[in-house]
């Protein structure tokens, strides 16, 4: 299933959503250049969220207060890692969902609040992943958690919305209008295919670099809770 648009009217141009999509695309092209120069692994391991490094830095800082500087440096990866992606399918899937669901959400929240919601949701979901897997030693990258929050907020606000979609059937593409909640389930199924077209990230060369299901489930809940509070 490929979402195209929704049936919710918007009054304002989603400028911030355009910027987020553009930045993600630009960063991914930069990653491709790094891969060609065999420098991608160094950048991913420097700016991706590595739970084991962060929890280790916090443990050291508890014993040595001066080490909190290192913790702060490690935490910079929380927002930066959101804009790094490990495969073509990952970034295409994320940005497609952001294009369809993010523009409507920005129209409700406004440009500034929408940007804050997007960034904070990505940071919160990464923190959930760190708590869930504190010893994980591979980088977590991608906007999966933030997109899950966007999806959760959208479902809370527009549970009965219809999504203009295209359903591929071998070589035939069937247009359809699907309830928004269908994409809630499709989102998790789509995560299984993110290894397709993965970049060659040393040392393993295998695409292990996506935020896991714990963070995505947390993202959905975070988005729904924020929208509930916004409605109040």
Protein backbone atom coordinates (compact mmCIF):
# COMPACT_ATOMS: atom_id res chain seq x y z
CA UNK A 1 0.00 0.00 0.00
CA UNK A 2 1.29 3.42 -0.96
CA UNK A 3 -0.33 6.47 0.70
CA UNK A 4 -0.73 9.46 -1.62
CA UNK A 5 -2.80 12.02 0.25
CA UNK A 6 -5.62 12.37 2.77
CA UNK A 7 -9.06 13.94 2.58
CA UNK A 8 -8.43 16.50 5.34
CA UNK A 9 -8.45 20.10 4.15
CA UNK A 10 -5.44 22.24 5.04
CA UNK A 11 -5.39 26.03 4.99
CA UNK A 12 -1.68 26.66 5.25
CA UNK A 13 1.28 25.45 3.24
CA UNK A 14 3.30 22.91 5.30
CA UNK A 15 6.58 24.77 4.96
CA UNK A 16 8.26 23.05 7.90
CA UNK A 17 7.30 19.63 6.55
CA UNK A 18 8.91 20.54 3.22
CA UNK A 19 12.09 21.59 5.04
CA UNK A 20 12.26 18.37 7.03
CA UNK A 21 11.82 16.27 3.90
CA UNK A 22 14.41 18.32 2.03
CA UNK A 23 16.99 18.08 4.82
CA UNK A 24 16.54 14.31 5.09
CA UNK A 25 17.02 13.90 1.34
CA UNK A 26 20.09 16.15 1.28
CA UNK A 27 21.68 14.26 4.19
CA UNK A 28 21.01 10.92 2.50
CA UNK A 29 22.76 12.05 -0.70
CA UNK A 30 25.66 13.11 1.52
CA UNK A 31 25.67 9.61 3.02
CA UNK A 32 25.90 8.12 -0.48
CA UNK A 33 28.95 10.27 -1.18
CA UNK A 34 30.50 9.14 2.09
CA UNK A 35 29.86 5.52 1.20
CA UNK A 36 31.65 5.97 -2.13
CA UNK A 37 34.61 7.38 -0.22
CA UNK A 38 34.50 4.60 2.42
CA UNK A 39 33.83 7.16 5.15
CA UNK A 40 30.19 6.38 5.93
CA UNK A 41 30.89 3.98 8.79
CA UNK A 42 32.96 6.56 10.66
CA UNK A 43 30.17 9.16 10.44
CA UNK A 44 27.41 6.73 11.41
CA UNK A 45 29.31 5.50 14.46
CA UNK A 46 30.14 9.09 15.43
CA UNK A 47 26.64 10.57 15.09
CA UNK A 48 24.32 7.57 15.44
CA UNK A 49 22.73 6.84 18.80
CA UNK A 50 24.71 4.01 20.45
CA UNK A 51 22.93 3.05 23.70
CA UNK A 52 25.98 1.31 25.22
CA UNK A 53 28.11 4.44 24.80
CA UNK A 54 25.49 6.72 26.34
CA UNK A 55 24.74 4.47 29.32
CA UNK A 56 28.48 3.93 29.85
CA UNK A 57 29.11 7.68 29.78
CA UNK A 58 26.32 8.27 32.33
CA UNK A 59 27.76 5.58 34.62
CA UNK A 60 31.18 7.25 34.46
CA UNK A 61 29.67 10.68 35.08
CA UNK A 62 27.96 9.49 38.26
CA UNK A 63 31.36 8.58 39.67
CA UNK A 64 33.16 11.55 38.13
CA UNK A 65 31.03 14.72 37.74
CA UNK A 66 33.51 16.21 35.29
CA UNK A 67 32.56 13.44 32.84
CA UNK A 68 29.08 14.95 32.32
CA UNK A 69 30.61 16.90 29.44
CA UNK A 70 31.07 13.59 27.64
CA UNK A 71 27.45 12.69 28.32
CA UNK A 72 26.30 15.95 26.75
CA UNK A 73 28.43 15.28 23.69
CA UNK A 74 26.95 11.78 23.38
CA UNK A 75 23.42 13.15 23.68
CA UNK A 76 23.95 15.38 20.64
CA UNK A 77 23.48 12.21 18.60
CA UNK A 78 19.81 12.04 19.66
CA UNK A 79 18.61 14.78 17.25
CA UNK A 80 21.38 14.31 14.69
CA UNK A 81 20.81 10.57 14.27
CA UNK A 82 17.22 11.24 13.21
CA UNK A 83 18.44 12.64 9.90
CA UNK A 84 20.67 9.68 9.03
CA UNK A 85 19.21 6.67 7.22
CA UNK A 86 20.62 3.24 6.46
CA UNK A 87 18.81 2.32 3.23
CA UNK A 88 16.82 3.66 0.29
CA UNK A 89 13.70 1.86 1.44
CA UNK A 90 14.00 3.32 4.94
CA UNK A 91 14.19 6.93 3.83
CA UNK A 92 11.57 6.52 1.09
CA UNK A 93 9.12 4.90 3.50
CA UNK A 94 9.72 7.48 6.20
CA UNK A 95 9.42 10.50 3.93
CA UNK A 96 6.33 9.15 2.18
CA UNK A 97 4.52 8.84 5.51
CA UNK A 98 5.84 12.25 6.57
CA UNK A 99 4.57 13.80 3.32
CA UNK A 100 1.05 12.43 3.72
CA UNK A 101 0.49 12.68 7.47
CA UNK A 102 2.91 15.42 8.49
CA UNK A 103 1.41 18.19 6.38
CA UNK A 104 -1.99 17.85 8.03
CA UNK A 105 -0.45 17.74 11.49
CA UNK A 106 1.58 20.88 10.82
CA UNK A 107 -1.61 22.66 9.76
CA UNK A 108 -3.09 21.90 13.19
CA UNK A 109 -0.07 22.61 15.39
CA UNK A 110 1.50 25.45 13.46
CA UNK A 111 5.02 25.56 12.02
CA UNK A 112 7.00 26.05 15.24
CA UNK A 113 5.08 23.59 17.40
CA UNK A 114 5.18 20.99 14.64
CA UNK A 115 8.96 21.24 14.36
CA UNK A 116 9.30 20.96 18.14
CA UNK A 117 6.94 18.00 18.20
CA UNK A 118 8.89 16.22 15.45
CA UNK A 119 12.30 16.70 17.05
CA UNK A 120 11.24 15.97 20.62
CA UNK A 121 9.32 12.87 19.55
CA UNK A 122 12.40 11.53 17.81
CA UNK A 123 14.52 12.23 20.89
CA UNK A 124 12.02 10.65 23.28
CA UNK A 125 11.68 7.50 21.21
CA UNK A 126 15.47 7.17 21.03
CA UNK A 127 15.61 7.45 24.82
CA UNK A 128 13.03 4.66 25.08
CA UNK A 129 15.24 2.49 22.90
CA UNK A 130 18.25 3.26 25.11
CA UNK A 131 16.33 2.24 28.22
CA UNK A 132 15.00 -0.90 26.49
CA UNK A 133 18.43 -1.98 25.18
CA UNK A 134 21.11 -0.20 27.24
CA UNK A 135 23.88 -2.56 26.13
CA UNK A 136 23.21 -2.24 22.39
CA UNK A 137 26.48 -1.37 20.65
CA UNK A 138 25.28 -0.59 17.10
CA UNK A 139 24.09 2.88 16.05
CA UNK A 140 20.40 3.67 15.92
CA UNK A 141 19.62 6.02 13.05
CA UNK A 142 16.58 7.14 11.12
CA UNK A 143 13.43 9.17 11.70
CA UNK A 144 11.34 6.05 12.39
CA UNK A 145 10.43 7.10 15.94
CA UNK A 146 9.48 10.65 14.93
CA UNK A 147 7.35 9.41 12.01
CA UNK A 148 5.63 6.93 14.32
CA UNK A 149 4.75 9.86 16.61
CA UNK A 150 3.37 11.81 13.67
CA UNK A 151 1.27 8.79 12.75
CA UNK A 152 0.04 8.35 16.34
CA UNK A 153 -0.94 12.02 16.62
CA UNK A 154 -2.72 11.88 13.28
CA UNK A 155 -4.73 8.81 14.30
CA UNK A 156 -5.78 10.50 17.52
CA UNK A 157 -6.97 13.61 15.71
CA UNK A 158 -8.42 12.04 12.55
CA UNK A 159 -9.40 8.42 13.31
CA UNK A 160 -11.99 8.38 10.50
CA UNK A 161 -9.89 10.08 7.82
CA UNK A 162 -9.62 8.43 4.41
CA UNK A 163 -6.24 8.08 2.75
CA UNK A 164 -5.96 8.13 -1.05
CA UNK A 165 -3.77 5.12 -1.73
CA UNK A 166 -2.33 2.97 -4.48
CA UNK A 167 -2.27 -0.80 -4.01
CA UNK A 168 0.39 -2.50 -6.20
CA UNK A 169 -0.75 -5.84 -7.60
CA UNK A 170 2.17 -7.28 -9.60
CA UNK A 171 2.20 -4.80 -12.54
CA UNK A 172 -1.23 -3.30 -11.87
CA UNK A 173 -1.77 -0.37 -9.52
CA UNK A 174 -5.23 -0.14 -7.99
CA UNK A 175 -6.37 3.23 -6.58
CA UNK A 176 -8.27 3.02 -3.29
CA UNK A 177 -9.44 5.08 -0.32
CA UNK A 178 -8.36 3.37 2.90
CA UNK A 179 -9.18 4.25 6.51
CA UNK A 180 -6.28 5.96 8.26
CA UNK A 181 -6.04 3.23 10.93
CA UNK A 182 -5.02 0.71 8.24
CA UNK A 183 -1.69 2.51 7.97
CA UNK A 184 -1.17 2.09 11.69
CA UNK A 185 -0.65 -1.63 11.06
CA UNK A 186 1.06 -1.16 7.71
CA UNK A 187 3.70 1.04 9.34
CA UNK A 188 5.03 -1.85 11.42
CA UNK A 189 4.94 -4.27 8.49
CA UNK A 190 6.89 -1.78 6.41
CA UNK A 191 9.72 -1.75 8.96
CA UNK A 192 10.59 -5.33 8.01
CA UNK A 193 11.60 -4.21 4.52
CA UNK A 194 14.03 -1.47 5.53
CA UNK A 195 17.06 -3.63 4.79
CA UNK A 196 16.26 -3.41 1.04
CA UNK A 197 18.73 -1.14 -0.74
CA UNK A 198 20.81 -0.70 2.39
CA UNK A 199 24.02 1.29 2.34
CA UNK A 200 27.25 -0.56 3.02
CA UNK A 201 28.05 0.57 6.56
CA UNK A 202 31.23 -0.98 8.01
CA UNK A 203 32.19 -3.08 9.79
CA UNK A 204 29.36 -5.55 9.09
CA UNK A 205 27.95 -4.05 5.90
CA UNK A 206 24.53 -5.14 7.10
CA UNK A 207 21.74 -2.67 7.71
CA UNK A 208 21.21 -2.97 11.45
CA UNK A 209 20.78 0.74 11.81
CA UNK A 210 17.12 1.48 12.40
CA UNK A 211 15.22 2.30 15.56
CA UNK A 212 13.51 -0.89 16.76
CA UNK A 213 9.93 -1.76 17.46
CA UNK A 214 10.15 -0.63 21.08
CA UNK A 215 10.86 2.93 20.01
CA UNK A 216 8.26 2.92 17.25
CA UNK A 217 5.54 1.66 19.56
CA UNK A 218 6.59 4.34 22.06
CA UNK A 219 6.48 6.89 19.25
CA UNK A 220 2.87 6.04 18.44
CA UNK A 221 1.92 6.43 22.10
CA UNK A 222 3.84 9.70 22.47
CA UNK A 223 2.16 11.16 19.39
CA UNK A 224 -1.29 10.13 20.59
CA UNK A 225 -0.71 11.57 24.09
CA UNK A 226 0.62 14.88 22.75
CA UNK A 227 -2.38 15.28 20.46
CA UNK A 228 -4.74 14.43 23.31
CA UNK A 229 -3.17 17.17 25.43
CA UNK A 230 -3.26 19.56 22.47
CA UNK A 231 -6.98 18.98 22.03
CA UNK A 232 -7.58 19.79 25.69
